[in-house]
Amino acid sequence: MLEQAAHRLKSDLGYLGATETARLASQLEERGQTGNLEGAAKLMAKFKSQMVRLWTSMGEGTGAIRMSQIAGST
């Protein structure tokens, strides 16, 4: 599941030019492929942080993106 989700995100992020976030997705994809989840939680935290930055920059000035919905906040 991790491998598939990370693969899809990696492709989309690369298309958007979000290279650092795509690199993190690639690392998560690799973890899913190998089944070696050591350090995956820390990597996922970095990925989430990068995604929040990306969503913030994409939504600045538009009001189109509500961070509480995207970032999983309550």
PDB file of N, CA and C in Angstrom:
ATOM      1  N   MET A   1       0.822  -1.172   0.000  1.00  0.00           N
ATOM      2  CA  MET A   1       0.000   0.000   0.000  1.00  0.00           C
ATOM      3  C   MET A   1       0.886   1.263   0.000  1.00  0.00           C
ATOM      4  N   LEU A   2       1.898   1.262   0.851  1.00  0.00           N
ATOM      5  CA  LEU A   2       2.830   2.390   0.908  1.00  0.00           C
ATOM      6  C   LEU A   2       3.508   2.586  -0.440  1.00  0.00           C
ATOM      7  N   GLU A   3       3.955   1.501  -1.015  1.00  0.00           N
ATOM      8  CA  GLU A   3       4.649   1.568  -2.313  1.00  0.00           C
ATOM      9  C   GLU A   3       3.760   2.203  -3.383  1.00  0.00           C
ATOM     10  N   GLN A   4       2.522   1.756  -3.482  1.00  0.00           N
ATOM     11  CA  GLN A   4       1.618   2.258  -4.516  1.00  0.00           C
ATOM     12  C   GLN A   4       1.276   3.726  -4.329  1.00  0.00           C
ATOM     13  N   ALA A   5       0.964   4.113  -3.097  1.00  0.00           N
ATOM     14  CA  ALA A   5       0.612   5.514  -2.827  1.00  0.00           C
ATOM     15  C   ALA A   5       1.803   6.430  -3.089  1.00  0.00           C
ATOM     16  N   ALA A   6       2.969   6.028  -2.612  1.00  0.00           N
ATOM     17  CA  ALA A   6       4.169   6.848  -2.799  1.00  0.00           C
ATOM     18  C   ALA A   6       4.525   6.953  -4.280  1.00  0.00           C
ATOM     19  N   HIS A   7       4.329   5.881  -5.023  1.00  0.00           N
ATOM     20  CA  HIS A   7       4.635   5.908  -6.458  1.00  0.00           C
ATOM     21  C   HIS A   7       3.768   6.936  -7.183  1.00  0.00           C
ATOM     22  N   ARG A   8       2.470   6.913  -6.891  1.00  0.00           N
ATOM     23  CA  ARG A   8       1.555   7.865  -7.526  1.00  0.00           C
ATOM     24  C   ARG A   8       1.901   9.304  -7.154  1.00  0.00           C
ATOM     25  N   LEU A   9       2.179   9.520  -5.887  1.00  0.00           N
ATOM     26  CA  LEU A   9       2.525  10.867  -5.437  1.00  0.00           C
ATOM     27  C   LEU A   9       3.846  11.333  -6.043  1.00  0.00           C
ATOM     28  N   LYS A  10       4.812  10.430  -6.132  1.00  0.00           N
ATOM     29  CA  LYS A  10       6.117  10.774  -6.699  1.00  0.00           C
ATOM     30  C   LYS A  10       5.960  11.298  -8.116  1.00  0.00           C
ATOM     31  N   SER A  11       5.166  10.632  -8.901  1.00  0.00           N
ATOM     32  CA  SER A  11       4.943  11.052 -10.286  1.00  0.00           C
ATOM     33  C   SER A  11       4.289  12.427 -10.355  1.00  0.00           C
ATOM     34  N   ASP A  12       3.246  12.620  -9.574  1.00  0.00           N
ATOM     35  CA  ASP A  12       2.540  13.902  -9.584  1.00  0.00           C
ATOM     36  C   ASP A  12       3.420  15.027  -9.070  1.00  0.00           C
ATOM     37  N   LEU A  13       4.177  14.762  -8.036  1.00  0.00           N
ATOM     38  CA  LEU A  13       5.058  15.788  -7.476  1.00  0.00           C
ATOM     39  C   LEU A  13       6.165  16.157  -8.453  1.00  0.00           C
ATOM     40  N   GLY A  14       6.672  15.176  -9.169  1.00  0.00           N
ATOM     41  CA  GLY A  14       7.676  15.454 -10.189  1.00  0.00           C
ATOM     42  C   GLY A  14       7.110  16.336 -11.277  1.00  0.00           C
ATOM     43  N   TYR A  15       5.890  16.077 -11.668  1.00  0.00           N
ATOM     44  CA  TYR A  15       5.217  16.891 -12.683  1.00  0.00           C
ATOM     45  C   TYR A  15       5.087  18.342 -12.229  1.00  0.00           C
ATOM     46  N   LEU A  16       4.831  18.523 -10.926  1.00  0.00           N
ATOM     47  CA  LEU A  16       4.675  19.866 -10.374  1.00  0.00           C
ATOM     48  C   LEU A  16       6.014  20.560 -10.137  1.00  0.00           C
ATOM     49  N   GLY A  17       7.097  19.814 -10.260  1.00  0.00           N
ATOM     50  CA  GLY A  17       8.420  20.391 -10.034  1.00  0.00           C
ATOM     51  C   GLY A  17       8.820  20.421  -8.570  1.00  0.00           C
ATOM     52  N   ALA A  18       8.111  19.696  -7.742  1.00  0.00           N
ATOM     53  CA  ALA A  18       8.412  19.621  -6.313  1.00  0.00           C
ATOM     54  C   ALA A  18       9.437  18.495  -6.098  1.00  0.00           C
ATOM     55  N   THR A  19      10.672  18.759  -6.500  1.00  0.00           N
ATOM     56  CA  THR A  19      11.688  17.710  -6.549  1.00  0.00           C
ATOM     57  C   THR A  19      12.043  17.128  -5.186  1.00  0.00           C
ATOM     58  N   GLU A  20      12.143  17.969  -4.170  1.00  0.00           N
ATOM     59  CA  GLU A  20      12.495  17.462  -2.836  1.00  0.00           C
ATOM     60  C   GLU A  20      11.386  16.561  -2.298  1.00  0.00           C
ATOM     61  N   THR A  21      10.150  16.980  -2.470  1.00  0.00           N
ATOM     62  CA  THR A  21       9.021  16.189  -1.991  1.00  0.00           C
ATOM     63  C   THR A  21       8.904  14.897  -2.799  1.00  0.00           C
ATOM     64  N   ALA A  22       9.167  14.961  -4.097  1.00  0.00           N
ATOM     65  CA  ALA A  22       9.157  13.760  -4.938  1.00  0.00           C
ATOM     66  C   ALA A  22      10.267  12.797  -4.516  1.00  0.00           C
ATOM     67  N   ARG A  23      11.408  13.346  -4.114  1.00  0.00           N
ATOM     68  CA  ARG A  23      12.519  12.506  -3.652  1.00  0.00           C
ATOM     69  C   ARG A  23      12.125  11.749  -2.385  1.00  0.00           C
ATOM     70  N   LEU A  24      11.443  12.436  -1.485  1.00  0.00           N
ATOM     71  CA  LEU A  24      10.976  11.784  -0.265  1.00  0.00           C
ATOM     72  C   LEU A  24       9.945  10.700  -0.583  1.00  0.00           C
ATOM     73  N   ALA A  25       9.059  10.980  -1.528  1.00  0.00           N
ATOM     74  CA  ALA A  25       8.074   9.980  -1.952  1.00  0.00           C
ATOM     75  C   ALA A  25       8.776   8.767  -2.548  1.00  0.00           C
ATOM     76  N   SER A  26       9.838   9.011  -3.297  1.00  0.00           N
ATOM     77  CA  SER A  26      10.607   7.918  -3.881  1.00  0.00           C
ATOM     78  C   SER A  26      11.228   7.044  -2.790  1.00  0.00           C
ATOM     79  N   GLN A  27      11.718   7.675  -1.744  1.00  0.00           N
ATOM     80  CA  GLN A  27      12.287   6.918  -0.633  1.00  0.00           C
ATOM     81  C   GLN A  27      11.221   6.091   0.082  1.00  0.00           C
ATOM     82  N   LEU A  28      10.040   6.668   0.235  1.00  0.00           N
ATOM     83  CA  LEU A  28       8.933   5.916   0.837  1.00  0.00           C
ATOM     84  C   LEU A  28       8.519   4.749  -0.058  1.00  0.00           C
ATOM     85  N   GLU A  29       8.503   4.997  -1.358  1.00  0.00           N
ATOM     86  CA  GLU A  29       8.176   3.929  -2.312  1.00  0.00           C
ATOM     87  C   GLU A  29       9.173   2.779  -2.180  1.00  0.00           C
ATOM     88  N   GLU A  30      10.430   3.125  -2.097  1.00  0.00           N
ATOM     89  CA  GLU A  30      11.474   2.102  -1.961  1.00  0.00           C
ATOM     90  C   GLU A  30      11.295   1.299  -0.671  1.00  0.00           C
ATOM     91  N   ARG A  31      10.937   1.986   0.411  1.00  0.00           N
ATOM     92  CA  ARG A  31      10.702   1.290   1.690  1.00  0.00           C
ATOM     93  C   ARG A  31       9.547   0.297   1.535  1.00  0.00           C
ATOM     94  N   GLY A  32       8.508   0.728   0.825  1.00  0.00           N
ATOM     95  CA  GLY A  32       7.376  -0.161   0.597  1.00  0.00           C
ATOM     96  C   GLY A  32       7.737  -1.358  -0.259  1.00  0.00           C
ATOM     97  N   GLN A  33       8.583  -1.149  -1.263  1.00  0.00           N
ATOM     98  CA  GLN A  33       9.013  -2.241  -2.147  1.00  0.00           C
ATOM     99  C   GLN A  33       9.799  -3.297  -1.388  1.00  0.00           C
ATOM    100  N   THR A  34      10.711  -2.839  -0.550  1.00  0.00           N
ATOM    101  CA  THR A  34      11.591  -3.769   0.162  1.00  0.00           C
ATOM    102  C   THR A  34      10.976  -4.328   1.424  1.00  0.00           C
ATOM    103  N   GLY A  35       9.953  -3.646   1.934  1.00  0.00           N
ATOM    104  CA  GLY A  35       9.347  -4.074   3.187  1.00  0.00           C
ATOM    105  C   GLY A  35      10.160  -3.647   4.400  1.00  0.00           C
ATOM    106  N   ASN A  36      11.226  -2.891   4.181  1.00  0.00           N
ATOM    107  CA  ASN A  36      12.058  -2.393   5.266  1.00  0.00           C
ATOM    108  C   ASN A  36      11.499  -1.047   5.713  1.00  0.00           C
ATOM    109  N   LEU A  37      10.751  -1.053   6.798  1.00  0.00           N
ATOM    110  CA  LEU A  37      10.098   0.161   7.257  1.00  0.00           C
ATOM    111  C   LEU A  37      10.902   0.891   8.326  1.00  0.00           C
ATOM    112  N   GLU A  38      12.144   0.482   8.519  1.00  0.00           N
ATOM    113  CA  GLU A  38      13.004   1.161   9.486  1.00  0.00           C
ATOM    114  C   GLU A  38      13.169   2.619   9.073  1.00  0.00           C
ATOM    115  N   GLY A  39      12.874   3.504   9.984  1.00  0.00           N
ATOM    116  CA  GLY A  39      12.983   4.932   9.703  1.00  0.00           C
ATOM    117  C   GLY A  39      11.839   5.514   8.893  1.00  0.00           C
ATOM    118  N   ALA A  40      10.845   4.699   8.572  1.00  0.00           N
ATOM    119  CA  ALA A  40       9.738   5.168   7.731  1.00  0.00           C
ATOM    120  C   ALA A  40       8.911   6.248   8.418  1.00  0.00           C
ATOM    121  N   ALA A  41       8.748   6.148   9.727  1.00  0.00           N
ATOM    122  CA  ALA A  41       7.955   7.157  10.443  1.00  0.00           C
ATOM    123  C   ALA A  41       8.626   8.523  10.360  1.00  0.00           C
ATOM    124  N   LYS A  42       9.935   8.558  10.527  1.00  0.00           N
ATOM    125  CA  LYS A  42      10.672   9.820  10.436  1.00  0.00           C
ATOM    126  C   LYS A  42      10.609  10.375   9.011  1.00  0.00           C
ATOM    127  N   LEU A  43      10.752   9.496   8.042  1.00  0.00           N
ATOM    128  CA  LEU A  43      10.672   9.887   6.637  1.00  0.00           C
ATOM    129  C   LEU A  43       9.282  10.406   6.305  1.00  0.00           C
ATOM    130  N   MET A  44       8.263   9.757   6.834  1.00  0.00           N
ATOM    131  CA  MET A  44       6.884  10.195   6.601  1.00  0.00           C
ATOM    132  C   MET A  44       6.641  11.572   7.214  1.00  0.00           C
ATOM    133  N   ALA A  45       7.219  11.844   8.370  1.00  0.00           N
ATOM    134  CA  ALA A  45       7.071  13.158   8.993  1.00  0.00           C
ATOM    135  C   ALA A  45       7.705  14.240   8.115  1.00  0.00           C
ATOM    136  N   LYS A  46       8.865  13.959   7.537  1.00  0.00           N
ATOM    137  CA  LYS A  46       9.512  14.907   6.628  1.00  0.00           C
ATOM    138  C   LYS A  46       8.652  15.121   5.386  1.00  0.00           C
ATOM    139  N   PHE A  47       8.114  14.024   4.856  1.00  0.00           N
ATOM    140  CA  PHE A  47       7.259  14.094   3.672  1.00  0.00           C
ATOM    141  C   PHE A  47       6.025  14.948   3.953  1.00  0.00           C
ATOM    142  N   LYS A  48       5.390  14.712   5.082  1.00  0.00           N
ATOM    143  CA  LYS A  48       4.185  15.474   5.431  1.00  0.00           C
ATOM    144  C   LYS A  48       4.514  16.964   5.557  1.00  0.00           C
ATOM    145  N   SER A  49       5.638  17.268   6.178  1.00  0.00           N
ATOM    146  CA  SER A  49       6.059  18.663   6.313  1.00  0.00           C
ATOM    147  C   SER A  49       6.251  19.316   4.951  1.00  0.00           C
ATOM    148  N   GLN A  50       6.875  18.611   4.030  1.00  0.00           N
ATOM    149  CA  GLN A  50       7.085  19.133   2.680  1.00  0.00           C
ATOM    150  C   GLN A  50       5.755  19.313   1.945  1.00  0.00           C
ATOM    151  N   MET A  51       4.844  18.374   2.145  1.00  0.00           N
ATOM    152  CA  MET A  51       3.540  18.477   1.496  1.00  0.00           C
ATOM    153  C   MET A  51       2.774  19.686   2.029  1.00  0.00           C
ATOM    154  N   VAL A  52       2.833  19.935   3.320  1.00  0.00           N
ATOM    155  CA  VAL A  52       2.155  21.097   3.903  1.00  0.00           C
ATOM    156  C   VAL A  52       2.739  22.373   3.309  1.00  0.00           C
ATOM    157  N   ARG A  53       4.060  22.427   3.176  1.00  0.00           N
ATOM    158  CA  ARG A  53       4.693  23.598   2.555  1.00  0.00           C
ATOM    159  C   ARG A  53       4.211  23.787   1.118  1.00  0.00           C
ATOM    160  N   LEU A  54       4.159  22.688   0.382  1.00  0.00           N
ATOM    161  CA  LEU A  54       3.712  22.750  -1.006  1.00  0.00           C
ATOM    162  C   LEU A  54       2.278  23.234  -1.103  1.00  0.00           C
ATOM    163  N   TRP A  55       1.381  22.632  -0.303  1.00  0.00           N
ATOM    164  CA  TRP A  55      -0.022  23.029  -0.334  1.00  0.00           C
ATOM    165  C   TRP A  55      -0.181  24.485   0.071  1.00  0.00           C
ATOM    166  N   THR A  56       0.595  24.913   1.054  1.00  0.00           N
ATOM    167  CA  THR A  56       0.525  26.304   1.499  1.00  0.00           C
ATOM    168  C   THR A  56       0.923  27.236   0.364  1.00  0.00           C
ATOM    169  N   SER A  57       2.023  26.926  -0.281  1.00  0.00           N
ATOM    170  CA  SER A  57       2.477  27.806  -1.362  1.00  0.00           C
ATOM    171  C   SER A  57       1.519  27.784  -2.542  1.00  0.00           C
ATOM    172  N   MET A  58       0.889  26.653  -2.806  1.00  0.00           N
ATOM    173  CA  MET A  58      -0.073  26.576  -3.901  1.00  0.00           C
ATOM    174  C   MET A  58      -1.352  27.336  -3.580  1.00  0.00           C
ATOM    175  N   GLY A  59      -1.722  27.376  -2.316  1.00  0.00           N
ATOM    176  CA  GLY A  59      -2.985  27.991  -1.934  1.00  0.00           C
ATOM    177  C   GLY A  59      -2.881  29.435  -1.493  1.00  0.00           C
ATOM    178  N   GLU A  60      -1.661  29.964  -1.397  1.00  0.00           N
ATOM    179  CA  GLU A  60      -1.499  31.342  -0.942  1.00  0.00           C
ATOM    180  C   GLU A  60      -2.272  32.306  -1.842  1.00  0.00           C
ATOM    181  N   GLY A  61      -3.058  33.128  -1.201  1.00  0.00           N
ATOM    182  CA  GLY A  61      -3.781  34.154  -1.929  1.00  0.00           C
ATOM    183  C   GLY A  61      -5.039  33.682  -2.630  1.00  0.00           C
ATOM    184  N   THR A  62      -5.266  32.361  -2.684  1.00  0.00           N
ATOM    185  CA  THR A  62      -6.444  31.887  -3.401  1.00  0.00           C
ATOM    186  C   THR A  62      -7.577  31.514  -2.462  1.00  0.00           C
ATOM    187  N   GLY A  63      -7.244  31.115  -1.251  1.00  0.00           N
ATOM    188  CA  GLY A  63      -8.259  30.643  -0.320  1.00  0.00           C
ATOM    189  C   GLY A  63      -8.861  29.322  -0.763  1.00  0.00           C
ATOM    190  N   ALA A  64      -8.259  28.695  -1.777  1.00  0.00           N
ATOM    191  CA  ALA A  64      -8.826  27.472  -2.348  1.00  0.00           C
ATOM    192  C   ALA A  64      -8.486  26.227  -1.536  1.00  0.00           C
ATOM    193  N   ILE A  65      -7.431  26.297  -0.736  1.00  0.00           N
ATOM    194  CA  ILE A  65      -6.985  25.107  -0.015  1.00  0.00           C
ATOM    195  C   ILE A  65      -7.137  25.357   1.482  1.00  0.00           C
ATOM    196  N   ARG A  66      -7.844  24.485   2.148  1.00  0.00           N
ATOM    197  CA  ARG A  66      -8.008  24.592   3.600  1.00  0.00           C
ATOM    198  C   ARG A  66      -7.055  23.604   4.233  1.00  0.00           C
ATOM    199  N   MET A  67      -6.028  24.117   4.901  1.00  0.00           N
ATOM    200  CA  MET A  67      -4.977  23.277   5.465  1.00  0.00           C
ATOM    201  C   MET A  67      -5.511  22.249   6.446  1.00  0.00           C
ATOM    202  N   SER A  68      -6.546  22.564   7.201  1.00  0.00           N
ATOM    203  CA  SER A  68      -7.075  21.614   8.165  1.00  0.00           C
ATOM    204  C   SER A  68      -7.600  20.369   7.467  1.00  0.00           C
ATOM    205  N   GLN A  69      -8.127  20.502   6.273  1.00  0.00           N
ATOM    206  CA  GLN A  69      -8.639  19.356   5.531  1.00  0.00           C
ATOM    207  C   GLN A  69      -7.485  18.554   4.933  1.00  0.00           C
ATOM    208  N   ILE A  70      -6.499  19.241   4.363  1.00  0.00           N
ATOM    209  CA  ILE A  70      -5.415  18.563   3.639  1.00  0.00           C
ATOM    210  C   ILE A  70      -4.429  17.913   4.580  1.00  0.00           C
ATOM    211  N   ALA A  71      -4.014  18.602   5.625  1.00  0.00           N
ATOM    212  CA  ALA A  71      -2.956  18.113   6.504  1.00  0.00           C
ATOM    213  C   ALA A  71      -3.490  17.113   7.538  1.00  0.00           C
ATOM    214  N   GLY A  72      -4.786  16.892   7.557  1.00  0.00           N
ATOM    215  CA  GLY A  72      -5.347  15.935   8.500  1.00  0.00           C
ATOM    216  C   GLY A  72      -5.520  16.492   9.898  1.00  0.00           C
ATOM    217  N   SER A  73      -5.460  17.808  10.034  1.00  0.00           N
ATOM    218  CA  SER A  73      -5.657  18.438  11.338  1.00  0.00           C
ATOM    219  C   SER A  73      -7.128  18.413  11.707  1.00  0.00           C
ATOM    220  N   THR A  74      -7.364  18.551  12.972  1.00  0.00           N
ATOM    221  CA  THR A  74      -8.762  18.603  13.414  1.00  0.00           C
ATOM    222  C   THR A  74      -9.110  19.958  13.925  1.00  0.00           C
TER     223      THR A  74
END
